[in-house]
């Protein structure tokens, strides 16, 4: 076989050479040890937690080392592409703090190593396809879909490994004349890799997460170019990672099965193999067993879920770090106020088996993250969320920012800040009573007579002075309790509850319910200070009236 003649026959219009492309895309000028890596998603429109995990690992490895993170869109599978998916992907990852140094953007490409969308790189792939053909390492295959299906059925019946290899590689050794005849007849073809591997042979390979692996050689003649001239993922990623000078590839361990072919392909192309970081899946407990997070079963897999629920980006980011590096939590305890990206991330600390997603832990992390924020930041993030997901509440927050910020400042700061909010969705139930439209009528404990509650509220109004400090305010509450026969000695009450009709805590609860409509709220004294005298008095008077009293 004259392989050079075959290459010219298949790719008559390819005039560029690999040397031309090497010159166009030179080695990057970065410091030694700098990581050049990428995110290379398919534009399917579904951006999931796994994308964020991969993105965070890639971003940390690149930027901690003074390297480069770029976004490449792997859109070779037109059937799976969803219009607008690239824009959704970029916007979602940007929302979660994954910023790219170069690559595909909303407005096109940014960087010197593009195009960054694979369908725009067909001419580049054809240069290397022609090279492989000229070296006898690739050949055209004219098998029809029906022929391939019949081949697969025969292999399955014989209980043989399925695939295009050995005696099943029907076009592997055809003559130049046979190939020319098919081309002249207008038959469609794919370009296949001519594998020299054998499943009898194994070799060792070092993965940055999995460690030392034993790999079985690939013996399948995989497709490199599809019939439309667009490359498969395997071929495209090899060419792209070389020309874009990728040093590290972060991807899910479902790709381990194709690693033998990828190693083989890099060698055939005379490319330096990047270091691979094969990460385990995200899992969750389902009964007593673990399973992978599922797009169909688990809404929490979609990144849009966390935004809609109101998890701050910092909380999701920080929770993922607890999954990726087990020493992160110790670091956070020692550095409670340090920015998360100052933590020294290590891919070697990734769990080879994957990570167990724990929603309760995410919620706890989020509570801690929000509790460390100042009121101004909480207000800004809450308003941004509410404007999109609860417009009426968002409008109220926007109208009086100083008022809302004062509310959110309650119990904030100090060594033990309040942890009322886990997500922004919690804010309205927590603080809604500060807005008259959201105030709910109180429902008092039935064991207390309405006349008694009325009496307590009336006594409180008689002594209420908005200028009192908190100590004086509470002394007045305690006096009401004593005057109606309730105890202020909580230890005595706990020892013998039947000895007392009620406690000062019950008196406080009556007042709290009248003012907030709730049995639990932030510090009641502070609540009244924020509401002011007139609104506080008005609410208590309305409650008295609802209990059958008179204003």
Protein backbone atom coordinates (compact mmCIF):
# COMPACT_ATOMS: atom_id res chain seq x y z
CA UNK A 1 0.00 0.00 0.00
CA UNK A 2 1.24 3.46 -0.97
CA UNK A 3 0.12 5.28 2.19
CA UNK A 4 1.18 8.68 0.90
CA UNK A 5 -0.98 8.19 -2.18
CA UNK A 6 -3.88 7.14 0.07
CA UNK A 7 -3.44 10.27 2.16
CA UNK A 8 -3.56 12.47 -0.95
CA UNK A 9 -6.60 10.58 -2.21
CA UNK A 10 -8.53 11.08 1.04
CA UNK A 11 -7.37 14.63 1.83
CA UNK A 12 -6.52 16.32 -1.49
CA UNK A 13 -7.29 19.81 -0.17
CA UNK A 14 -5.17 19.59 2.99
CA UNK A 15 -2.04 21.59 2.31
CA UNK A 16 -1.02 22.53 5.85
CA UNK A 17 1.39 20.31 7.71
CA UNK A 18 1.75 19.44 11.39
CA UNK A 19 4.88 21.59 11.37
CA UNK A 20 2.80 24.59 10.27
CA UNK A 21 0.44 24.06 13.22
CA UNK A 22 3.31 23.60 15.66
CA UNK A 23 4.57 27.01 14.58
CA UNK A 24 1.12 28.60 14.83
CA UNK A 25 0.52 27.22 18.32
CA UNK A 26 3.91 27.37 20.05
CA UNK A 27 4.74 26.21 23.56
CA UNK A 28 3.32 28.57 26.15
CA UNK A 29 5.66 30.91 27.97
CA UNK A 30 4.86 29.97 31.55
CA UNK A 31 6.96 29.23 34.60
CA UNK A 32 8.14 25.70 35.28
CA UNK A 33 5.48 23.66 37.05
CA UNK A 34 2.61 25.84 35.82
CA UNK A 35 -0.49 23.77 35.07
CA UNK A 36 -2.26 24.34 31.77
CA UNK A 37 -5.66 22.73 31.92
CA UNK A 38 -9.16 23.08 30.62
CA UNK A 39 -12.82 22.46 30.98
CA UNK A 40 -14.13 20.81 27.84
CA UNK A 41 -17.88 20.22 28.23
CA UNK A 42 -20.39 19.28 25.58
CA UNK A 43 -23.11 21.90 24.97
CA UNK A 44 -26.04 19.79 26.14
CA UNK A 45 -27.72 22.56 28.16
CA UNK A 46 -27.47 20.69 31.46
CA UNK A 47 -24.80 22.08 33.79
CA UNK A 48 -24.41 19.81 36.78
CA UNK A 49 -22.55 19.56 40.04
CA UNK A 50 -19.96 17.31 38.44
CA UNK A 51 -19.09 20.13 36.01
CA UNK A 52 -18.49 22.41 38.97
CA UNK A 53 -16.35 19.82 40.76
CA UNK A 54 -14.23 19.32 37.66
CA UNK A 55 -14.08 23.07 37.09
CA UNK A 56 -13.01 23.79 40.65
CA UNK A 57 -10.25 21.16 40.56
CA UNK A 58 -9.02 22.50 37.21
CA UNK A 59 -9.22 26.13 38.33
CA UNK A 60 -7.32 25.51 41.57
CA UNK A 61 -4.60 23.47 39.88
CA UNK A 62 -4.10 26.11 37.18
CA UNK A 63 -4.23 29.27 39.21
CA UNK A 64 -2.37 28.02 42.27
CA UNK A 65 0.53 27.11 39.99
CA UNK A 66 0.51 30.34 37.97
CA UNK A 67 -0.87 28.47 34.97
CA UNK A 68 -3.81 28.81 32.59
CA UNK A 69 -7.41 27.60 32.66
CA UNK A 70 -9.26 27.66 29.35
CA UNK A 71 -12.73 26.68 28.17
CA UNK A 72 -13.02 24.48 25.12
CA UNK A 73 -16.45 23.48 23.82
CA UNK A 74 -16.56 19.90 22.56
CA UNK A 75 -19.44 20.21 20.13
CA UNK A 76 -18.52 17.41 17.74
CA UNK A 77 -21.76 15.56 18.52
CA UNK A 78 -24.32 17.79 16.79
CA UNK A 79 -27.20 15.54 17.85
CA UNK A 80 -26.68 16.36 21.54
CA UNK A 81 -26.14 20.10 21.11
CA UNK A 82 -28.79 22.39 22.58
CA UNK A 83 -29.08 25.97 21.21
CA UNK A 84 -27.80 28.51 23.74
CA UNK A 85 -26.17 25.81 25.85
CA UNK A 86 -22.69 27.35 25.60
CA UNK A 87 -23.97 30.65 26.94
CA UNK A 88 -25.79 28.86 29.78
CA UNK A 89 -22.62 26.97 30.64
CA UNK A 90 -20.41 30.07 30.68
CA UNK A 91 -22.91 32.08 32.71
CA UNK A 92 -23.47 29.29 35.25
CA UNK A 93 -19.78 28.59 35.80
CA UNK A 94 -19.08 32.31 36.12
CA UNK A 95 -21.83 32.54 38.75
CA UNK A 96 -20.02 29.86 40.74
CA UNK A 97 -16.65 31.57 40.56
CA UNK A 98 -15.01 29.57 37.76
CA UNK A 99 -13.23 32.20 35.67
CA UNK A 100 -11.35 31.26 32.52
CA UNK A 101 -8.17 32.91 31.32
CA UNK A 102 -9.03 32.17 27.71
CA UNK A 103 -11.33 30.11 25.53
CA UNK A 104 -14.91 30.23 24.37
CA UNK A 105 -16.86 33.29 25.57
CA UNK A 106 -20.33 34.74 25.11
CA UNK A 107 -19.00 36.82 22.22
CA UNK A 108 -16.76 34.33 20.50
CA UNK A 109 -13.22 33.34 21.42
CA UNK A 110 -10.57 34.97 23.59
CA UNK A 111 -7.01 33.67 23.36
CA UNK A 112 -4.25 32.71 20.97
CA UNK A 113 -4.89 28.97 20.85
CA UNK A 114 -8.33 28.91 19.27
CA UNK A 115 -10.76 28.30 17.78
CA UNK A 116 -12.05 26.93 21.08
CA UNK A 117 -15.11 25.27 19.59
CA UNK A 118 -14.24 21.93 18.02
CA UNK A 119 -16.60 22.15 15.05
CA UNK A 120 -14.61 25.21 13.95
CA UNK A 121 -11.36 23.21 14.02
CA UNK A 122 -12.13 20.63 11.31
CA UNK A 123 -9.26 21.78 9.08
CA UNK A 124 -6.80 21.28 11.96
CA UNK A 125 -7.93 17.72 12.61
CA UNK A 126 -7.66 16.87 8.92
CA UNK A 127 -3.98 17.84 8.94
CA UNK A 128 -3.25 15.22 11.58
CA UNK A 129 -5.65 12.72 10.02
CA UNK A 130 -3.70 13.00 6.76
CA UNK A 131 -0.46 12.50 8.70
CA UNK A 132 -1.73 9.29 10.30
CA UNK A 133 -2.92 7.95 6.94
CA UNK A 134 0.44 8.76 5.32
CA UNK A 135 2.17 6.80 8.08
CA UNK A 136 -0.11 3.80 7.67
CA UNK A 137 -1.73 4.43 11.07
CA UNK A 138 -5.25 5.23 9.83
CA UNK A 139 -7.46 4.05 6.97
CA UNK A 140 -10.95 4.63 5.51
CA UNK A 141 -13.78 2.29 6.40
CA UNK A 142 -16.87 2.03 4.17
CA UNK A 143 -18.93 -0.28 6.40
CA UNK A 144 -22.61 0.62 6.57
CA UNK A 145 -24.60 0.89 9.79
CA UNK A 146 -26.34 -2.36 8.88
CA UNK A 147 -23.04 -4.17 8.42
CA UNK A 148 -21.76 -2.92 11.77
CA UNK A 149 -24.98 -3.95 13.52
CA UNK A 150 -24.78 -7.42 12.02
CA UNK A 151 -21.14 -7.68 13.09
CA UNK A 152 -22.03 -6.73 16.64
CA UNK A 153 -24.87 -9.27 16.75
CA UNK A 154 -22.51 -12.01 15.53
CA UNK A 155 -19.94 -11.10 18.21
CA UNK A 156 -22.57 -11.13 20.95
CA UNK A 157 -23.90 -14.52 19.85
CA UNK A 158 -20.36 -15.89 19.89
CA UNK A 159 -19.81 -14.23 23.28
CA UNK A 160 -16.86 -12.31 21.87
CA UNK A 161 -15.77 -8.78 22.73
CA UNK A 162 -17.71 -6.36 20.56
CA UNK A 163 -15.86 -3.86 18.41
CA UNK A 164 -14.05 -3.30 15.13
CA UNK A 165 -10.84 -5.32 15.44
CA UNK A 166 -8.89 -8.28 14.08
CA UNK A 167 -10.98 -10.35 11.65
CA UNK A 168 -13.85 -7.89 12.08
CA UNK A 169 -11.78 -4.96 10.79
CA UNK A 170 -13.12 -5.47 7.28
CA UNK A 171 -11.46 -2.47 5.63
CA UNK A 172 -8.16 -2.55 7.50
CA UNK A 173 -6.08 -4.08 4.68
CA UNK A 174 -8.00 -3.24 1.52
CA UNK A 175 -6.10 -2.17 -1.57
CA UNK A 176 -5.79 1.36 -2.88
CA UNK A 177 -7.84 0.32 -5.91
CA UNK A 178 -10.73 -0.93 -3.77
CA UNK A 179 -10.74 2.29 -1.78
CA UNK A 180 -10.61 4.42 -4.94
CA UNK A 181 -13.53 2.45 -6.35
CA UNK A 182 -15.67 3.15 -3.27
CA UNK A 183 -14.79 6.84 -3.36
CA UNK A 184 -15.63 7.06 -7.05
CA UNK A 185 -19.02 5.53 -6.30
CA UNK A 186 -19.67 8.28 -3.74
CA UNK A 187 -19.77 5.93 -0.78
CA UNK A 188 -19.49 7.58 2.63
CA UNK A 189 -16.61 6.59 4.91
CA UNK A 190 -15.16 7.09 8.33
CA UNK A 191 -11.48 7.22 9.19
CA UNK A 192 -10.33 4.52 11.59
CA UNK A 193 -7.18 4.24 13.66
CA UNK A 194 -5.01 1.23 12.84
CA UNK A 195 -4.36 -0.25 16.27
CA UNK A 196 -1.18 -2.19 16.92
CA UNK A 197 -2.22 -3.18 20.44
CA UNK A 198 -3.08 -6.57 21.84
CA UNK A 199 -5.34 -7.47 24.76
CA UNK A 200 -2.65 -9.96 25.72
CA UNK A 201 -0.36 -7.08 26.70
CA UNK A 202 -0.52 -4.86 29.77
CA UNK A 203 1.49 -1.89 30.99
CA UNK A 204 1.69 0.39 34.03
CA UNK A 205 0.32 3.91 34.12
CA UNK A 206 0.39 6.60 36.83
CA UNK A 207 -2.77 8.62 37.39
CA UNK A 208 -2.64 11.60 39.76
CA UNK A 209 -5.72 10.34 41.63
CA UNK A 210 -5.95 6.60 41.03
CA UNK A 211 -2.23 6.03 41.46
CA UNK A 212 -0.44 3.24 39.59
CA UNK A 213 -2.80 1.43 37.24
CA UNK A 214 -2.39 -1.73 35.20
CA UNK A 215 -3.63 -1.01 31.68
CA UNK A 216 -4.57 -3.51 28.98
CA UNK A 217 -3.60 -2.41 25.49
CA UNK A 218 -6.27 -1.31 23.04
CA UNK A 219 -6.81 -3.54 20.02
CA UNK A 220 -9.86 -1.81 18.53
CA UNK A 221 -9.65 0.28 15.36
CA UNK A 222 -11.65 3.21 16.74
CA UNK A 223 -13.16 5.90 14.52
CA UNK A 224 -11.12 9.11 14.27
CA UNK A 225 -13.24 11.07 11.78
CA UNK A 226 -16.95 10.57 11.26
CA UNK A 227 -18.52 10.53 7.82
CA UNK A 228 -19.09 14.30 7.92
CA UNK A 229 -15.39 14.93 8.52
CA UNK A 230 -15.93 15.93 12.14
CA UNK A 231 -13.66 14.11 14.62
CA UNK A 232 -14.72 11.87 17.45
CA UNK A 233 -13.98 13.04 20.99
CA UNK A 234 -10.96 10.75 21.15
CA UNK A 235 -9.17 12.21 18.15
CA UNK A 236 -10.20 15.81 18.78
CA UNK A 237 -9.11 15.87 22.40
CA UNK A 238 -5.69 14.47 21.52
CA UNK A 239 -5.06 17.10 18.84
CA UNK A 240 -6.53 19.94 20.87
CA UNK A 241 -4.79 19.14 24.13
CA UNK A 242 -1.49 19.00 22.27
CA UNK A 243 -1.88 22.21 20.29
CA UNK A 244 -3.36 24.10 23.24
CA UNK A 245 -0.41 22.83 25.28
CA UNK A 246 -2.50 21.16 27.97
CA UNK A 247 -0.34 19.70 30.74
CA UNK A 248 -3.09 18.18 32.92
CA UNK A 249 -6.46 16.67 32.00
CA UNK A 250 -9.13 16.53 34.72
CA UNK A 251 -12.04 14.25 33.85
CA UNK A 252 -14.40 11.65 35.30
CA UNK A 253 -13.14 8.13 35.83
CA UNK A 254 -15.74 6.82 33.37
CA UNK A 255 -13.08 7.76 30.78
CA UNK A 256 -10.60 5.22 32.18
CA UNK A 257 -11.97 2.60 29.77
CA UNK A 258 -10.76 4.70 26.81
CA UNK A 259 -7.39 5.59 28.35
CA UNK A 260 -5.52 2.76 26.53
CA UNK A 261 -6.69 4.14 23.18
CA UNK A 262 -5.84 7.72 24.15
CA UNK A 263 -2.32 6.73 25.20
CA UNK A 264 -1.93 4.85 21.93
CA UNK A 265 -3.21 7.81 19.92
CA UNK A 266 -0.88 10.33 21.57
CA UNK A 267 2.05 8.05 20.82
CA UNK A 268 1.04 7.62 17.17
CA UNK A 269 0.75 11.39 16.76
CA UNK A 270 4.11 11.87 18.47
CA UNK A 271 2.51 14.08 21.15
CA UNK A 272 3.61 14.33 24.76
CA UNK A 273 0.97 12.70 26.94
CA UNK A 274 -0.58 15.10 29.51
CA UNK A 275 -0.92 14.04 33.13
CA UNK A 276 -4.36 12.64 33.85
CA UNK A 277 -6.52 13.36 36.89
CA UNK A 278 -9.37 10.84 36.80
CA UNK A 279 -11.86 11.82 39.49
CA UNK A 280 -14.44 9.52 41.08
CA UNK A 281 -18.19 10.15 40.83
CA UNK A 282 -20.42 12.10 43.18
CA UNK A 283 -22.57 9.67 45.12
CA UNK A 284 -25.39 9.75 47.64
CA UNK A 285 -26.89 7.34 50.11
CA UNK A 286 -30.00 5.58 48.84
CA UNK A 287 -31.23 3.50 51.73
CA UNK A 288 -28.25 1.55 52.97
CA UNK A 289 -26.28 1.71 49.75
CA UNK A 290 -24.45 4.32 47.70
CA UNK A 291 -25.26 5.26 44.14
CA UNK A 292 -24.19 7.91 41.67
CA UNK A 293 -26.14 11.16 41.61
CA UNK A 294 -28.65 10.88 38.80
CA UNK A 295 -29.96 13.58 36.46
CA UNK A 296 -33.33 11.81 36.44
CA UNK A 297 -33.66 11.12 40.18
CA UNK A 298 -31.77 13.90 41.93
CA UNK A 299 -32.68 17.57 41.42
CA UNK A 300 -29.62 18.53 43.48
CA UNK A 301 -27.37 17.39 40.62
CA UNK A 302 -28.32 20.47 38.55
CA UNK A 303 -26.46 23.67 39.42
CA UNK A 304 -29.63 25.67 38.77
CA UNK A 305 -31.08 23.96 41.86
CA UNK A 306 -28.59 25.62 44.21
CA UNK A 307 -29.17 29.04 42.76
CA UNK A 308 -32.95 28.71 43.02
CA UNK A 309 -32.76 27.40 46.60
CA UNK A 310 -30.53 30.32 47.50
CA UNK A 311 -27.25 28.69 48.44
CA UNK A 312 -24.54 31.37 48.31
CA UNK A 313 -21.83 30.64 45.80
CA UNK A 314 -19.25 30.72 48.61
CA UNK A 315 -21.14 28.00 50.48
CA UNK A 316 -21.33 25.64 47.49
CA UNK A 317 -17.68 26.32 46.69
CA UNK A 318 -16.62 25.70 50.27
CA UNK A 319 -18.70 22.53 50.58
CA UNK A 320 -17.13 21.10 47.44
CA UNK A 321 -13.71 21.79 48.92
CA UNK A 322 -14.67 19.64 51.93
CA UNK A 323 -15.44 16.83 49.47
CA UNK A 324 -12.23 17.20 47.51
CA UNK A 325 -9.63 17.62 50.26
CA UNK A 326 -10.25 16.07 53.68
CA UNK A 327 -7.89 18.54 55.37
CA UNK A 328 -9.96 21.54 54.26
CA UNK A 329 -12.20 21.51 57.34
CA UNK A 330 -9.22 21.56 59.71
CA UNK A 331 -7.80 24.45 57.69
CA UNK A 332 -11.09 26.33 57.89
CA UNK A 333 -11.28 25.94 61.66
CA UNK A 334 -7.76 27.34 61.93
CA UNK A 335 -8.48 30.11 59.42
CA UNK A 336 -12.14 31.07 59.95
CA UNK A 337 -11.90 34.39 58.10
CA UNK A 338 -9.51 33.45 55.30
CA UNK A 339 -10.78 33.43 51.69
CA UNK A 340 -11.40 29.90 50.47
CA UNK A 341 -9.02 30.22 47.54
CA UNK A 342 -6.10 30.74 49.93
CA UNK A 343 -6.38 27.06 50.88
CA UNK A 344 -3.66 24.97 49.22
CA UNK A 345 -5.60 22.45 47.18
CA UNK A 346 -3.93 19.15 46.24
CA UNK A 347 -5.24 16.70 43.60
CA UNK A 348 -3.33 13.97 45.41
CA UNK A 349 -5.79 14.26 48.31
CA UNK A 350 -8.81 13.48 46.12
CA UNK A 351 -10.64 10.32 47.09
CA UNK A 352 -10.03 7.80 44.26
CA UNK A 353 -13.43 6.22 44.88
CA UNK A 354 -15.34 9.50 44.60
CA UNK A 355 -17.20 11.63 47.12
CA UNK A 356 -20.41 11.19 49.07
CA UNK A 357 -22.77 14.11 48.64
CA UNK A 358 -24.39 15.07 51.96
CA UNK A 359 -27.15 17.69 51.72
CA UNK A 360 -27.31 18.15 55.50
CA UNK A 361 -23.61 18.93 55.58
CA UNK A 362 -23.96 21.38 52.72
CA UNK A 363 -26.66 23.14 54.73
CA UNK A 364 -24.41 23.33 57.80
CA UNK A 365 -21.54 24.69 55.73
CA UNK A 366 -23.88 27.28 54.22
CA UNK A 367 -25.08 28.38 57.68
CA UNK A 368 -21.50 28.89 58.75
CA UNK A 369 -20.59 30.77 55.60
CA UNK A 370 -23.58 33.13 55.88
CA UNK A 371 -22.96 33.67 59.60
CA UNK A 372 -19.46 34.99 58.78
CA UNK A 373 -20.78 37.58 56.34
CA UNK A 374 -21.47 41.14 57.44
CA UNK A 375 -25.00 42.49 57.17
CA UNK A 376 -24.22 44.56 54.08
CA UNK A 377 -23.02 41.51 52.15
CA UNK A 378 -25.96 39.39 53.30
CA UNK A 379 -28.33 42.14 52.17
CA UNK A 380 -26.71 42.44 48.72
CA UNK A 381 -26.75 38.70 48.04
CA UNK A 382 -30.24 38.20 49.47
CA UNK A 383 -31.68 41.04 47.42
CA UNK A 384 -30.05 39.71 44.25
CA UNK A 385 -31.58 36.28 44.86
CA UNK A 386 -35.01 37.64 45.86
CA UNK A 387 -35.31 39.93 42.85
CA UNK A 388 -35.02 36.84 40.62
CA UNK A 389 -36.84 34.20 42.67
CA UNK A 390 -39.24 36.14 44.95
CA UNK A 391 -39.84 39.49 43.20
CA UNK A 392 -42.32 40.85 45.77
CA UNK A 393 -39.90 40.24 48.62
CA UNK A 394 -37.06 41.57 46.48
CA UNK A 395 -38.95 44.78 45.87
CA UNK A 396 -39.47 45.30 49.60
CA UNK A 397 -35.79 44.73 50.27
CA UNK A 398 -34.84 47.18 47.54
CA UNK A 399 -37.15 49.97 48.74
CA UNK A 400 -35.58 50.27 52.19
CA UNK A 401 -32.02 48.91 52.14
CA UNK A 402 -31.00 50.48 55.45
CA UNK A 403 -34.03 48.96 57.21
CA UNK A 404 -33.36 45.49 55.76
CA UNK A 405 -29.66 45.69 56.59
CA UNK A 406 -30.47 46.62 60.18
CA UNK A 407 -32.70 43.54 60.45
CA UNK A 408 -30.00 41.30 59.00
CA UNK A 409 -27.44 42.73 61.44
CA UNK A 410 -29.25 41.19 64.45
CA UNK A 411 -26.95 38.73 66.17
CA UNK A 412 -24.29 39.13 63.50
CA UNK A 413 -20.63 39.45 64.42
CA UNK A 414 -18.86 38.30 67.54
CA UNK A 415 -17.55 34.85 68.37
CA UNK A 416 -20.95 33.14 68.24
CA UNK A 417 -23.03 34.74 65.47
CA UNK A 418 -26.60 33.60 64.86
CA UNK A 419 -27.03 30.90 62.23
CA UNK A 420 -30.65 31.38 61.23
CA UNK A 421 -30.08 31.30 57.49
CA UNK A 422 -28.84 28.30 55.53
CA UNK A 423 -30.18 29.51 52.16
CA UNK A 424 -31.69 32.77 50.99
CA UNK A 425 -35.04 31.01 50.78
CA UNK A 426 -34.98 30.95 54.61
CA UNK A 427 -34.84 34.74 54.85
CA UNK A 428 -38.49 35.52 54.25
CA UNK A 429 -39.80 33.15 56.98
CA UNK A 430 -37.06 34.45 59.29
CA UNK A 431 -37.57 38.20 58.81
CA UNK A 432 -40.85 38.54 56.95
CA UNK A 433 -42.73 39.73 60.06
CA UNK A 434 -40.76 42.99 59.89
CA UNK A 435 -42.92 43.80 56.86
CA UNK A 436 -46.58 44.33 57.74
CA UNK A 437 -47.80 42.57 54.59
CA UNK A 438 -46.11 39.33 55.68
CA UNK A 439 -47.09 39.50 59.36
CA UNK A 440 -49.18 36.49 60.40
CA UNK A 441 -51.77 36.41 63.17
CA UNK A 442 -50.41 34.70 66.30
CA UNK A 443 -51.69 31.31 67.41
CA UNK A 444 -51.33 31.06 71.20
CA UNK A 445 -50.89 27.92 73.26
CA UNK A 446 -54.38 26.68 74.17
CA UNK A 447 -53.34 25.91 77.75
CA UNK A 448 -53.33 29.68 78.46
CA UNK A 449 -56.62 31.52 78.72
CA UNK A 450 -57.20 34.37 76.27
CA UNK A 451 -58.03 36.70 79.15
CA UNK A 452 -54.65 35.95 80.75
CA UNK A 453 -52.78 36.71 77.52
CA UNK A 454 -54.83 39.87 77.08
CA UNK A 455 -53.91 40.94 80.61
CA UNK A 456 -50.20 40.34 80.01
CA UNK A 457 -50.21 42.35 76.78
CA UNK A 458 -52.17 45.19 78.39
CA UNK A 459 -49.73 45.35 81.32
CA UNK A 460 -46.83 45.39 78.89
CA UNK A 461 -48.29 48.32 76.97
CA UNK A 462 -48.79 50.27 80.19
CA UNK A 463 -45.09 50.00 81.06
CA UNK A 464 -43.60 50.01 77.56
CA UNK A 465 -41.04 52.73 76.86
CA UNK A 466 -39.10 52.50 73.58
CA UNK A 467 -36.19 54.40 75.17
CA UNK A 468 -35.58 51.73 77.83
CA UNK A 469 -32.36 49.80 77.50
CA UNK A 470 -32.59 46.02 77.23
CA UNK A 471 -31.95 45.43 80.95
CA UNK A 472 -34.74 47.74 82.09
CA UNK A 473 -37.03 46.35 79.39
CA UNK A 474 -36.56 42.81 80.64
CA UNK A 475 -37.00 43.82 84.31
CA UNK A 476 -40.43 45.11 83.34
CA UNK A 477 -41.24 41.80 81.64
CA UNK A 478 -40.18 39.90 84.76
CA UNK A 479 -42.33 42.17 86.95
CA UNK A 480 -45.38 41.32 84.84
CA UNK A 481 -44.63 37.63 85.31
CA UNK A 482 -44.40 38.01 89.10
CA UNK A 483 -47.53 40.16 89.28
CA UNK A 484 -49.66 37.49 87.57
CA UNK A 485 -48.21 34.66 89.62
CA UNK A 486 -45.74 33.27 87.09
CA UNK A 487 -42.23 32.36 88.20
CA UNK A 488 -38.94 33.90 87.08
CA UNK A 489 -36.98 31.00 88.56
CA UNK A 490 -36.53 28.66 85.63
CA UNK A 491 -34.63 26.07 87.69
CA UNK A 492 -37.50 25.82 90.16
CA UNK A 493 -39.97 25.50 87.30
CA UNK A 494 -38.01 22.68 85.67
CA UNK A 495 -37.82 20.90 89.01
CA UNK A 496 -41.59 21.10 89.58
CA UNK A 497 -43.59 22.49 86.62
CA UNK A 498 -46.93 21.74 88.27
CA UNK A 499 -46.13 24.23 91.06
CA UNK A 500 -46.41 27.24 88.71
CA UNK A 501 -49.05 28.35 86.21
CA UNK A 502 -46.31 29.68 83.92
CA UNK A 503 -42.92 31.36 83.66
CA UNK A 504 -41.35 34.60 82.52
CA UNK A 505 -40.51 32.75 79.27
CA UNK A 506 -44.24 32.31 78.65
CA UNK A 507 -44.80 36.02 79.24
CA UNK A 508 -42.03 36.83 76.73
CA UNK A 509 -43.60 34.43 74.26
CA UNK A 510 -47.01 36.14 74.49
CA UNK A 511 -45.36 39.47 73.70
CA UNK A 512 -43.20 37.95 70.97
CA UNK A 513 -46.21 36.40 69.26
CA UNK A 514 -48.16 39.63 69.43
CA UNK A 515 -45.28 41.57 67.85
CA UNK A 516 -43.94 39.02 65.34
CA UNK A 517 -46.71 36.44 64.91
CA UNK A 518 -44.13 33.76 65.74
CA UNK A 519 -42.99 31.80 68.77
CA UNK A 520 -39.38 32.14 67.66
CA UNK A 521 -37.67 35.25 66.42
CA UNK A 522 -34.45 37.19 66.76
CA UNK A 523 -33.89 39.09 70.01
CA UNK A 524 -37.29 40.59 70.87
CA UNK A 525 -35.93 43.80 72.38
CA UNK A 526 -33.94 44.48 69.19
CA UNK A 527 -36.95 43.61 67.05
CA UNK A 528 -39.01 46.26 68.84
CA UNK A 529 -36.24 48.83 68.46
CA UNK A 530 -36.20 48.25 64.70
CA UNK A 531 -40.00 48.28 64.37
CA UNK A 532 -40.24 51.43 66.49
CA UNK A 533 -42.75 52.42 69.16
CA UNK A 534 -45.78 53.06 66.97
CA UNK A 535 -45.68 49.80 65.00
CA UNK A 536 -44.90 47.75 68.11
CA UNK A 537 -47.81 49.26 70.03
CA UNK A 538 -50.16 48.94 67.05
CA UNK A 539 -49.41 45.23 66.67
CA UNK A 540 -49.96 44.51 70.35
CA UNK A 541 -53.21 46.46 70.35
CA UNK A 542 -54.49 44.50 67.35
CA UNK A 543 -53.65 41.25 69.12
CA UNK A 544 -55.51 42.36 72.26
CA UNK A 545 -58.52 43.21 70.09
CA UNK A 546 -58.37 39.81 68.39
CA UNK A 547 -58.49 38.18 71.84
CA UNK A 548 -61.70 39.96 72.68
CA UNK A 549 -60.19 42.96 74.43
CA UNK A 550 -60.54 46.63 73.66
CA UNK A 551 -57.99 49.03 72.26
